[in-house]
Amino acid sequence: MITAQVSRAEIVSILRSRGKLARADWFERELSEIVDIGRNRSLLATLDIDPDVLTRVDRLPQHA
Protein backbone atom coordinates (compact mmCIF):
# COMPACT_ATOMS: atom_id res chain seq x y z
CA MET A 1 0.00 0.00 0.00
CA ILE A 2 1.35 3.40 -0.98
CA THR A 3 0.73 6.18 1.48
CA ALA A 4 1.11 9.90 1.00
CA GLN A 5 4.28 11.51 2.26
CA VAL A 6 5.02 15.16 2.96
CA SER A 7 8.06 17.21 3.81
CA ARG A 8 8.75 17.72 7.51
CA ALA A 9 9.99 21.22 6.64
CA GLU A 10 6.54 22.23 5.38
CA ILE A 11 4.90 21.13 8.62
CA VAL A 12 7.56 22.88 10.71
CA SER A 13 7.03 26.04 8.66
CA ILE A 14 3.27 25.95 9.31
CA LEU A 15 3.82 25.52 13.05
CA ARG A 16 6.35 28.36 13.19
CA SER A 17 4.03 30.68 11.26
CA ARG A 18 1.40 30.00 13.94
CA GLY A 19 3.87 30.88 16.70
CA LYS A 20 4.10 27.27 17.92
CA LEU A 21 7.89 27.31 18.14
CA ALA A 22 8.35 24.58 20.76
CA ARG A 23 6.12 22.20 18.81
CA ALA A 24 7.96 23.01 15.59
CA ASP A 25 11.30 22.31 17.28
CA TRP A 26 10.01 19.00 18.65
CA PHE A 27 8.61 17.97 15.27
CA GLU A 28 11.93 18.81 13.60
CA ARG A 29 13.89 16.74 16.14
CA GLU A 30 11.63 13.71 16.37
CA LEU A 31 10.37 13.00 12.86
CA SER A 32 12.20 12.11 9.70
CA GLU A 33 12.69 14.46 6.78
CA ILE A 34 9.76 12.84 5.01
CA VAL A 35 6.60 12.33 7.06
CA ASP A 36 4.16 9.52 6.32
CA ILE A 37 0.66 10.97 6.58
CA GLY A 38 -0.98 7.63 7.36
CA ARG A 39 1.30 6.93 10.31
CA ASN A 40 1.10 10.50 11.63
CA ARG A 41 -2.52 11.44 10.90
CA SER A 42 -3.40 11.70 14.61
CA LEU A 43 -0.38 13.90 15.30
CA LEU A 44 -1.28 16.20 12.43
CA ALA A 45 -4.87 16.41 13.72
CA THR A 46 -3.58 17.30 17.19
CA LEU A 47 -1.52 20.08 15.62
CA ASP A 48 -4.59 21.22 13.63
CA ILE A 49 -2.83 20.61 10.31
CA ASP A 50 -5.02 19.38 7.45
CA PRO A 51 -3.03 16.76 5.50
CA ASP A 52 -4.98 17.62 2.35
CA VAL A 53 -3.34 21.05 2.14
CA LEU A 54 0.22 19.69 2.36
CA THR A 55 2.36 19.18 -0.74
CA ARG A 56 3.04 15.51 -1.44
CA VAL A 57 6.59 14.30 -2.07
CA ASP A 58 7.70 11.14 -3.83
CA ARG A 59 11.11 10.69 -2.25
CA LEU A 60 13.74 12.30 -0.08
CA PRO A 61 15.02 15.62 -1.37
CA GLN A 62 18.36 15.52 -3.14
CA HIS A 63 21.20 17.31 -1.35
CA ALA A 64 23.87 19.04 -3.41
Foldseek 3Di string as FASTA:
>chain_A
DDFWKAALVVVLVVCVVVVNNVVSVCSVVPDDRIGGCVVCVVVCVVVVHDPVVTDTDDDDDDDD
